Amino acid sequence: MNNLLTSKKHLFTRIAIGFALGIVMGLILPEISIQTKFIGDIYLNLIQMMIIPVIFVAVAGGIINIGSAQDLGRIGLKSVLVFAVMFVATAAIGLITSYLVRPGNRITVDPVGFEEEVTTPSVQEFFMNVVPDNIFQAVSDGAILPTIIFTLLFSVAIVAVGKEAEPVKIFLNSLSKVIFKILDFVMELTPIGVLSLMAFAIAEYGAGIFSALGLYIITAWSACIIAFIIVMLLPVWLYTGLPPNEFIKGIYKVWLVSLSTTSSAVTLPTNMRVNINDFKAPASITNFVVPLGTTINMAGGAISFSLLAVFVSDFYQIPLSVAEIIYLVAIATILNMAAPGIPGGGIVLGASFLTLLGLPIELMGPIAAIYRLLDMAYTTMNVTGDAAANLLISKSEEKRTHKRTLIEE
């Protein structure tokens, strides 16, 4: 028993135990659960402390170890294409599910003012924020997308320089081992962090919340489950040959973290580990695709915005035309690329999204009250999409390498 609780091999067993104990603690000891939330916050701080270093060494290591610049460009293009197709397909499923259920026509709530500041970013502002004028400031602020942009440029330069940059390449690979060893230390605290966060979530957003906007929550979770099966599970099975039960057996370890933290960024280290260790995906491709997906691949966000638009338009009896729905998907795609991978980051973005569509934002008040329950599903979809995309791209590269070998022979 002691070996089970201390072995690194059984980390995810301990996380599952922490997950279950957190639910029980939140139901039985709600006051203590709320008071001890700081333990979960400390865990989140430790993980967030590691996000920028992990992204830097992972993306840099992935690029410099991929091989040629041609290979890098090909994998990058595949990543963007897979992410785009996955987002549009998931958004379509979200829209279809929302229009079948029409929760906005069936729920009666009193509109509550939304007090958060609403930002309406222009295309120019988006790209200005993506390209940092001071990389050290961007790193200090924890800005993920600007950090990835700089890391891409830095790593591509190493590949382009060639042999003269070999010392830098050796240093980065060594630094990567050190960073991931620190991450191992932090990951050992995950069961405690998950227990604290789940206990707080259950104590704070108990059964009463489910009855308030239950149909909206059910629609969101249903759309996520359908999208998971159609957009992720089936393509991975049919293209890579990985059986659905094997995919779920591995990805559930990622779900345990995403459901409790509702953060794609915090889940990133676990997602990378599962892809490499459980799914046996190449580390060089995983270290490039998964961090990139954490930033720009938001399948859960596609469902979030689709459901939100239909819900608000139905509630206020504002019909959406086909052209407006197409515009909806386009705007959602751009906004999701700017979405922070942190808990609750979609609340303000949701208000911005409604503003861009010309829809009222008053319903963001009650939705914000239940957003944690929604975000559990959305974040889980995001990270699952990253893993599925990585497996599809890894398989395509494996087939290409095999085909090239046969031709050479």
Protein backbone atom coordinates (compact mmCIF):
# COMPACT_ATOMS: atom_id res chain seq x y z
CA MET A 1 0.00 0.00 0.00
CA ASN A 2 2.82 2.41 0.88
CA ASN A 3 4.45 1.65 -2.47
CA LEU A 4 1.17 2.45 -4.24
CA LEU A 5 0.98 5.85 -2.57
CA THR A 6 4.60 6.85 -3.17
CA SER A 7 5.52 5.34 -6.52
CA LYS A 8 5.75 7.79 -9.43
CA LYS A 9 4.18 5.07 -11.56
CA HIS A 10 0.95 5.37 -9.55
CA LEU A 11 0.75 9.18 -9.57
CA PHE A 12 -2.53 9.20 -11.48
CA THR A 13 -4.03 6.63 -9.12
CA ARG A 14 -3.29 9.07 -6.31
CA ILE A 15 -4.77 11.93 -8.35
CA ALA A 16 -7.96 9.89 -8.85
CA ILE A 17 -8.12 9.26 -5.10
CA GLY A 18 -7.63 12.98 -4.43
CA PHE A 19 -10.35 13.80 -6.98
CA ALA A 20 -12.86 11.46 -5.25
CA LEU A 21 -11.92 12.59 -1.74
CA GLY A 22 -12.33 16.22 -2.82
CA ILE A 23 -15.93 15.57 -3.89
CA VAL A 24 -16.70 13.82 -0.59
CA MET A 25 -15.01 16.56 1.43
CA GLY A 26 -16.90 19.30 -0.43
CA LEU A 27 -20.23 17.60 0.37
CA ILE A 28 -19.52 16.71 4.00
CA LEU A 29 -17.26 19.57 5.11
CA PRO A 30 -18.17 22.58 2.94
CA GLU A 31 -16.88 25.26 5.32
CA ILE A 32 -13.50 23.59 5.76
CA SER A 33 -13.34 23.01 2.00
CA ILE A 34 -13.74 26.72 1.34
CA GLN A 35 -11.23 27.70 4.04
CA THR A 36 -8.58 25.30 2.71
CA LYS A 37 -8.86 26.45 -0.91
CA PHE A 38 -5.54 28.27 -0.44
CA ILE A 39 -3.81 24.87 -0.67
CA GLY A 40 -5.19 24.42 -4.17
CA ASP A 41 -4.24 28.01 -5.00
CA ILE A 42 -0.65 27.33 -3.95
CA TYR A 43 -0.60 24.28 -6.20
CA LEU A 44 -1.93 26.36 -9.10
CA ASN A 45 0.74 28.99 -8.44
CA LEU A 46 3.46 26.32 -8.57
CA ILE A 47 2.16 24.96 -11.87
CA GLN A 48 1.70 28.43 -13.35
CA MET A 49 5.26 29.26 -12.25
CA MET A 50 6.41 26.40 -14.48
CA ILE A 51 4.24 27.16 -17.53
CA ILE A 52 6.56 29.64 -19.30
CA PRO A 53 9.77 27.63 -18.64
CA VAL A 54 8.05 24.40 -19.76
CA ILE A 55 6.66 25.99 -22.92
CA PHE A 56 10.05 27.48 -23.77
CA VAL A 57 12.07 24.27 -23.39
CA ALA A 58 9.29 22.06 -24.83
CA VAL A 59 8.68 24.11 -27.98
CA ALA A 60 12.38 24.85 -28.47
CA GLY A 61 13.30 21.21 -27.90
CA GLY A 62 10.57 20.05 -30.23
CA ILE A 63 11.76 22.29 -33.04
CA ILE A 64 15.52 21.75 -32.77
CA ASN A 65 15.03 17.99 -32.52
CA ILE A 66 12.48 17.63 -35.33
CA GLY A 67 15.21 17.66 -37.93
CA SER A 68 15.21 19.82 -41.04
CA ALA A 69 13.49 23.16 -41.54
CA GLN A 70 11.35 21.45 -44.17
CA ASP A 71 10.07 18.95 -41.58
CA LEU A 72 9.35 21.80 -39.16
CA GLY A 73 7.36 23.79 -41.72
CA ARG A 74 5.36 20.74 -42.71
CA ILE A 75 4.45 19.80 -39.13
CA GLY A 76 3.57 23.42 -38.31
CA LEU A 77 1.24 23.63 -41.32
CA LYS A 78 -0.38 20.32 -40.43
CA SER A 79 -0.95 21.54 -36.87
CA VAL A 80 -2.72 24.71 -37.95
CA LEU A 81 -4.89 22.82 -40.47
CA VAL A 82 -5.88 20.14 -37.96
CA PHE A 83 -6.66 22.75 -35.31
CA ALA A 84 -8.81 24.77 -37.76
CA VAL A 85 -10.79 21.74 -38.98
CA MET A 86 -11.29 20.56 -35.40
CA PHE A 87 -12.52 23.99 -34.29
CA VAL A 88 -15.03 24.42 -37.15
CA ALA A 89 -16.35 20.86 -36.77
CA THR A 90 -16.77 21.30 -33.01
CA ALA A 91 -18.46 24.68 -33.47
CA ALA A 92 -20.92 23.08 -35.91
CA ILE A 93 -21.76 20.36 -33.39
CA GLY A 94 -22.21 23.01 -30.70
CA LEU A 95 -24.61 24.97 -32.91
CA ILE A 96 -26.62 21.90 -33.93
CA THR A 97 -26.93 20.71 -30.31
CA SER A 98 -27.90 24.20 -29.13
CA TYR A 99 -30.59 24.58 -31.81
CA LEU A 100 -31.99 21.13 -31.04
CA VAL A 101 -32.30 21.83 -27.31
CA ARG A 102 -32.83 25.64 -27.42
CA PRO A 103 -32.11 26.18 -23.69
CA GLY A 104 -32.68 29.93 -24.07
CA ASN A 105 -36.37 29.30 -24.87
CA ARG A 106 -36.93 27.09 -21.84
CA ILE A 107 -35.12 28.80 -18.99
CA THR A 108 -36.50 31.73 -17.03
CA VAL A 109 -33.96 33.76 -15.09
CA ASP A 110 -33.82 37.40 -14.13
CA PRO A 111 -31.05 39.09 -16.16
CA VAL A 112 -28.23 40.13 -13.83
CA GLY A 113 -25.80 42.88 -14.73
CA PHE A 114 -22.35 41.78 -15.79
CA GLU A 115 -19.82 43.89 -13.92
CA GLU A 116 -16.55 42.79 -15.55
CA GLU A 117 -14.85 45.09 -18.02
CA VAL A 118 -15.66 44.10 -21.59
CA THR A 119 -12.93 44.38 -24.21
CA THR A 120 -13.54 44.35 -27.92
CA PRO A 121 -10.17 43.60 -29.54
CA SER A 122 -9.64 44.58 -33.15
CA VAL A 123 -7.62 42.46 -35.58
CA GLN A 124 -4.78 44.99 -35.38
CA GLU A 125 -4.76 44.89 -31.56
CA PHE A 126 -4.75 41.10 -31.58
CA PHE A 127 -1.64 40.87 -33.76
CA MET A 128 0.06 43.70 -31.88
CA ASN A 129 -0.42 41.73 -28.65
CA VAL A 130 0.83 38.52 -30.26
CA VAL A 131 4.20 40.02 -31.27
CA PRO A 132 5.99 41.22 -28.11
CA ASP A 133 7.99 44.46 -28.09
CA ASN A 134 9.78 43.24 -24.96
CA ILE A 135 10.14 39.48 -24.60
CA PHE A 136 11.22 39.78 -20.96
CA GLN A 137 8.08 41.75 -20.14
CA ALA A 138 5.96 39.17 -21.98
CA VAL A 139 7.59 36.35 -19.99
CA SER A 140 7.12 38.30 -16.76
CA ASP A 141 3.43 38.79 -17.56
CA GLY A 142 3.03 35.08 -18.35
CA ALA A 143 1.91 35.85 -21.91
CA ILE A 144 1.88 32.43 -23.57
CA LEU A 145 1.35 33.29 -27.26
CA PRO A 146 4.10 35.96 -27.43
CA THR A 147 6.44 33.55 -25.64
CA ILE A 148 5.69 30.86 -28.22
CA ILE A 149 6.29 33.33 -31.08
CA PHE A 150 9.71 34.26 -29.70
CA THR A 151 10.57 30.63 -28.99
CA LEU A 152 9.62 29.69 -32.56
CA LEU A 153 11.92 32.37 -33.98
CA PHE A 154 14.73 31.48 -31.59
CA SER A 155 14.50 27.76 -32.33
CA VAL A 156 14.20 28.15 -36.09
CA ALA A 157 17.33 30.34 -35.97
CA ILE A 158 19.20 27.53 -34.20
CA VAL A 159 18.16 25.09 -36.93
CA ALA A 160 19.14 27.60 -39.64
CA VAL A 161 22.60 28.32 -38.14
CA GLY A 162 23.41 24.61 -38.05
CA LYS A 163 26.66 23.24 -36.56
CA GLU A 164 27.78 26.55 -35.05
CA ALA A 165 24.64 26.54 -32.88
CA GLU A 166 25.28 23.00 -31.62
CA PRO A 167 26.41 24.23 -28.13
CA VAL A 168 23.12 26.10 -27.77
CA LYS A 169 21.21 22.99 -28.82
CA ILE A 170 23.08 20.87 -26.24
CA PHE A 171 22.40 23.51 -23.55
CA LEU A 172 18.66 23.62 -24.35
CA ASN A 173 18.34 19.84 -24.22
CA SER A 174 20.11 19.81 -20.83
CA LEU A 175 17.99 22.71 -19.59
CA SER A 176 14.88 20.81 -20.68
CA LYS A 177 15.84 17.86 -18.47
CA VAL A 178 16.34 20.18 -15.49
CA ILE A 179 13.03 22.00 -16.01
CA PHE A 180 11.10 18.75 -16.36
CA LYS A 181 12.76 17.37 -13.23
CA ILE A 182 11.50 20.41 -11.30
CA LEU A 183 8.11 19.76 -12.86
CA ASP A 184 8.24 16.18 -11.57
CA PHE A 185 8.68 17.56 -8.05
CA VAL A 186 5.66 19.85 -8.48
CA MET A 187 3.53 17.09 -10.05
CA GLU A 188 3.93 15.02 -6.89
CA LEU A 189 1.72 17.63 -5.19
CA THR A 190 -1.06 17.22 -7.75
CA PRO A 191 -3.21 14.80 -5.67
CA ILE A 192 -3.30 17.34 -2.81
CA GLY A 193 -4.00 20.24 -5.16
CA VAL A 194 -6.78 18.37 -6.96
CA LEU A 195 -8.36 17.37 -3.63
CA SER A 196 -8.41 20.98 -2.44
CA LEU A 197 -9.75 22.42 -5.69
CA MET A 198 -12.48 19.81 -6.12
CA ALA A 199 -13.57 20.18 -2.50
CA PHE A 200 -13.89 23.95 -2.97
CA ALA A 201 -15.76 23.57 -6.28
CA ILE A 202 -18.33 21.20 -4.76
CA ALA A 203 -18.74 23.33 -1.62
CA GLU A 204 -19.08 26.57 -3.59
CA TYR A 205 -21.13 25.36 -6.57
CA GLY A 206 -23.18 22.52 -5.10
CA ALA A 207 -26.39 20.91 -6.30
CA GLY A 208 -28.33 24.19 -6.11
CA ILE A 209 -26.38 25.65 -9.00
CA PHE A 210 -27.27 22.67 -11.20
CA SER A 211 -30.97 23.38 -10.74
CA ALA A 212 -30.63 27.09 -11.60
CA LEU A 213 -29.43 26.79 -15.18
CA GLY A 214 -29.37 23.03 -15.42
CA LEU A 215 -30.51 22.78 -19.03
CA TYR A 216 -27.74 25.12 -20.17
CA ILE A 217 -25.17 23.00 -18.34
CA ILE A 218 -26.63 19.74 -19.71
CA THR A 219 -26.57 21.14 -23.26
CA ALA A 220 -22.92 22.19 -22.89
CA TRP A 221 -21.81 18.82 -21.54
CA SER A 222 -23.87 16.92 -24.14
CA ALA A 223 -22.33 18.92 -27.00
CA CYS A 224 -18.85 18.28 -25.59
CA ILE A 225 -19.44 14.53 -25.33
CA ILE A 226 -20.83 14.34 -28.89
CA ALA A 227 -17.94 16.41 -30.25
CA PHE A 228 -15.43 14.26 -28.37
CA ILE A 229 -16.79 11.12 -30.01
CA ILE A 230 -17.17 12.51 -33.55
CA VAL A 231 -14.25 14.95 -33.82
CA MET A 232 -11.62 13.26 -31.64
CA LEU A 233 -12.27 9.65 -30.63
CA LEU A 234 -13.39 8.30 -34.03
CA PRO A 235 -10.72 10.07 -36.16
CA VAL A 236 -7.95 8.90 -33.80
CA TRP A 237 -9.27 5.34 -33.92
CA LEU A 238 -9.84 5.21 -37.68
CA TYR A 239 -6.61 6.96 -38.69
CA THR A 240 -4.10 5.85 -36.07
CA GLY A 241 -5.60 2.49 -35.14
CA LEU A 242 -5.58 3.36 -31.43
CA PRO A 243 -8.66 1.62 -29.95
CA PRO A 244 -11.18 3.94 -28.22
CA ASN A 245 -10.74 2.18 -24.87
CA GLU A 246 -6.96 2.67 -25.05
CA PHE A 247 -7.37 6.36 -25.91
CA ILE A 248 -9.79 6.89 -23.01
CA LYS A 249 -7.56 4.84 -20.69
CA GLY A 250 -4.73 7.30 -21.32
CA ILE A 251 -6.61 10.57 -21.68
CA TYR A 252 -8.61 10.14 -18.46
CA LYS A 253 -5.41 11.03 -16.60
CA VAL A 254 -5.49 14.40 -18.36
CA TRP A 255 -9.20 14.76 -17.59
CA LEU A 256 -8.60 14.40 -13.86
CA VAL A 257 -6.42 17.52 -13.93
CA SER A 258 -8.52 19.53 -16.40
CA LEU A 259 -11.78 18.88 -14.56
CA SER A 260 -10.34 20.00 -11.23
CA THR A 261 -8.25 22.98 -12.39
CA THR A 262 -10.26 24.14 -15.47
CA SER A 263 -6.97 25.35 -16.95
CA SER A 264 -5.46 24.21 -20.23
CA ALA A 265 -2.13 25.75 -19.26
CA VAL A 266 -1.99 23.96 -15.91
CA THR A 267 -2.96 20.69 -17.63
CA LEU A 268 -0.22 21.07 -20.27
CA PRO A 269 2.55 19.12 -18.43
CA THR A 270 0.21 16.19 -17.76
CA ASN A 271 -1.03 16.20 -21.35
CA MET A 272 2.51 16.08 -22.72
CA ARG A 273 3.48 13.29 -20.34
CA VAL A 274 0.45 11.15 -21.28
CA ASN A 275 1.06 11.67 -25.02
CA ILE A 276 4.69 10.58 -24.76
CA ASN A 277 4.48 7.88 -22.09
CA ASP A 278 1.03 6.40 -22.64
CA PHE A 279 0.36 7.00 -26.33
CA LYS A 280 4.04 6.66 -27.33
CA ALA A 281 3.84 9.76 -29.52
CA PRO A 282 7.26 11.12 -30.62
CA ALA A 283 8.58 13.59 -28.04
CA SER A 284 9.85 15.98 -30.74
CA ILE A 285 6.39 16.32 -32.31
CA THR A 286 4.52 16.31 -28.98
CA ASN A 287 6.73 19.07 -27.56
CA PHE A 288 5.78 21.25 -30.51
CA VAL A 289 2.12 20.39 -31.19
CA VAL A 290 0.66 20.15 -27.67
CA PRO A 291 2.00 23.51 -26.32
CA LEU A 292 0.92 25.18 -29.57
CA GLY A 293 -2.51 23.57 -29.24
CA THR A 294 -2.82 24.80 -25.66
CA THR A 295 -2.66 28.32 -27.04
CA ILE A 296 -4.64 28.24 -30.31
CA ASN A 297 -6.64 24.99 -30.37
CA MET A 298 -9.81 25.64 -28.38
CA ALA A 299 -12.37 23.00 -29.31
CA GLY A 300 -14.20 23.58 -26.03
CA GLY A 301 -14.24 27.29 -26.74
CA ALA A 302 -16.01 26.57 -30.03
CA ILE A 303 -18.86 24.92 -28.14
CA SER A 304 -18.82 27.64 -25.48
CA PHE A 305 -19.33 30.46 -27.95
CA SER A 306 -21.84 28.55 -30.12
CA LEU A 307 -24.04 27.72 -27.14
CA LEU A 308 -23.70 31.21 -25.67
CA ALA A 309 -24.79 32.92 -28.90
CA VAL A 310 -27.81 30.66 -29.41
CA PHE A 311 -28.80 30.88 -25.74
CA VAL A 312 -28.69 34.68 -25.59
CA SER A 313 -30.36 35.17 -28.99
CA ASP A 314 -33.19 32.80 -28.03
CA PHE A 315 -33.62 34.33 -24.58
CA TYR A 316 -34.07 37.82 -26.06
CA GLN A 317 -35.88 36.50 -29.16
CA ILE A 318 -33.19 37.83 -31.50
CA PRO A 319 -32.95 35.55 -34.56
CA LEU A 320 -29.53 34.80 -36.06
CA SER A 321 -29.22 34.60 -39.84
CA VAL A 322 -26.97 32.12 -41.65
CA ALA A 323 -24.52 34.94 -42.43
CA GLU A 324 -24.43 35.92 -38.74
CA ILE A 325 -23.77 32.30 -37.75
CA ILE A 326 -20.82 32.14 -40.18
CA TYR A 327 -19.56 35.43 -38.73
CA LEU A 328 -20.05 33.92 -35.27
CA VAL A 329 -17.70 31.03 -36.06
CA ALA A 330 -15.09 33.35 -37.61
CA ILE A 331 -15.09 35.71 -34.62
CA ALA A 332 -14.99 32.78 -32.21
CA THR A 333 -11.93 31.41 -33.99
CA ILE A 334 -10.00 34.68 -33.60
CA LEU A 335 -11.08 35.25 -29.98
CA ASN A 336 -10.18 31.71 -28.96
CA MET A 337 -6.63 32.20 -30.23
CA ALA A 338 -6.37 35.04 -27.72
CA ALA A 339 -7.98 33.06 -24.90
CA PRO A 340 -5.81 32.63 -21.80
CA GLY A 341 -5.50 29.03 -20.67
CA ILE A 342 -6.52 29.93 -17.11
CA PRO A 343 -9.63 29.22 -15.02
CA GLY A 344 -12.51 31.55 -15.88
CA GLY A 345 -10.67 33.19 -18.77
CA GLY A 346 -13.67 32.60 -21.02
CA ILE A 347 -16.06 34.75 -18.99
CA VAL A 348 -14.76 38.13 -20.14
CA LEU A 349 -14.11 36.72 -23.62
CA GLY A 350 -17.72 35.55 -23.71
CA ALA A 351 -18.91 39.09 -22.97
CA SER A 352 -16.58 40.44 -25.65
CA PHE A 353 -17.93 37.87 -28.09
CA LEU A 354 -21.54 38.91 -27.44
CA THR A 355 -20.57 42.56 -27.89
CA LEU A 356 -18.96 41.81 -31.27
CA LEU A 357 -22.15 40.02 -32.35
CA GLY A 358 -24.30 42.92 -31.15
CA LEU A 359 -26.06 40.77 -28.52
CA PRO A 360 -26.89 41.82 -24.92
CA ILE A 361 -24.35 40.83 -22.28
CA GLU A 362 -26.63 40.90 -19.21
CA LEU A 363 -26.89 37.09 -19.11
CA MET A 364 -23.15 36.82 -18.51
CA GLY A 365 -24.04 37.51 -14.85
CA PRO A 366 -25.90 34.25 -14.14
CA ILE A 367 -23.68 32.36 -16.59
CA ALA A 368 -20.60 33.57 -14.72
CA ALA A 369 -22.12 32.11 -11.54
CA ILE A 370 -22.12 28.61 -13.08
CA TYR A 371 -19.12 29.06 -15.35
CA ARG A 372 -16.91 26.77 -13.31
CA LEU A 373 -19.23 23.86 -14.09
CA LEU A 374 -19.21 24.79 -17.79
CA ASP A 375 -15.49 25.40 -17.89
CA MET A 376 -14.82 21.90 -16.57
CA ALA A 377 -16.30 20.54 -19.81
CA TYR A 378 -14.83 23.22 -22.11
CA THR A 379 -11.28 22.90 -20.76
CA THR A 380 -11.45 19.11 -20.95
CA MET A 381 -12.47 19.39 -24.60
CA ASN A 382 -9.59 21.79 -25.27
CA VAL A 383 -6.90 19.52 -23.85
CA THR A 384 -8.41 16.39 -25.40
CA GLY A 385 -8.36 18.12 -28.77
CA ASP A 386 -4.66 18.88 -28.32
CA ALA A 387 -3.93 15.22 -27.63
CA ALA A 388 -6.05 14.00 -30.54
CA ALA A 389 -4.42 16.45 -32.95
CA ASN A 390 -0.97 15.39 -31.77
CA LEU A 391 -1.76 11.70 -32.38
CA LEU A 392 -3.15 12.42 -35.86
CA ILE A 393 -0.11 14.49 -36.84
CA SER A 394 2.32 11.98 -35.33
CA LYS A 395 0.69 9.17 -37.32
CA SER A 396 0.85 11.18 -40.55
CA GLU A 397 4.58 11.75 -40.00
CA GLU A 398 5.07 8.05 -39.25
CA LYS A 399 3.35 7.10 -42.50
CA ARG A 400 5.36 9.65 -44.43
CA THR A 401 8.65 8.37 -43.00
CA HIS A 402 7.68 4.77 -43.76
CA LYS A 403 6.70 5.66 -47.32
CA ARG A 404 9.96 7.57 -47.87
CA THR A 405 11.97 4.61 -46.56
CA LEU A 406 10.24 2.24 -48.99
CA ILE A 407 10.98 4.58 -51.91
CA GLU A 408 14.64 4.88 -50.91
CA GLU A 409 14.95 1.11 -50.68
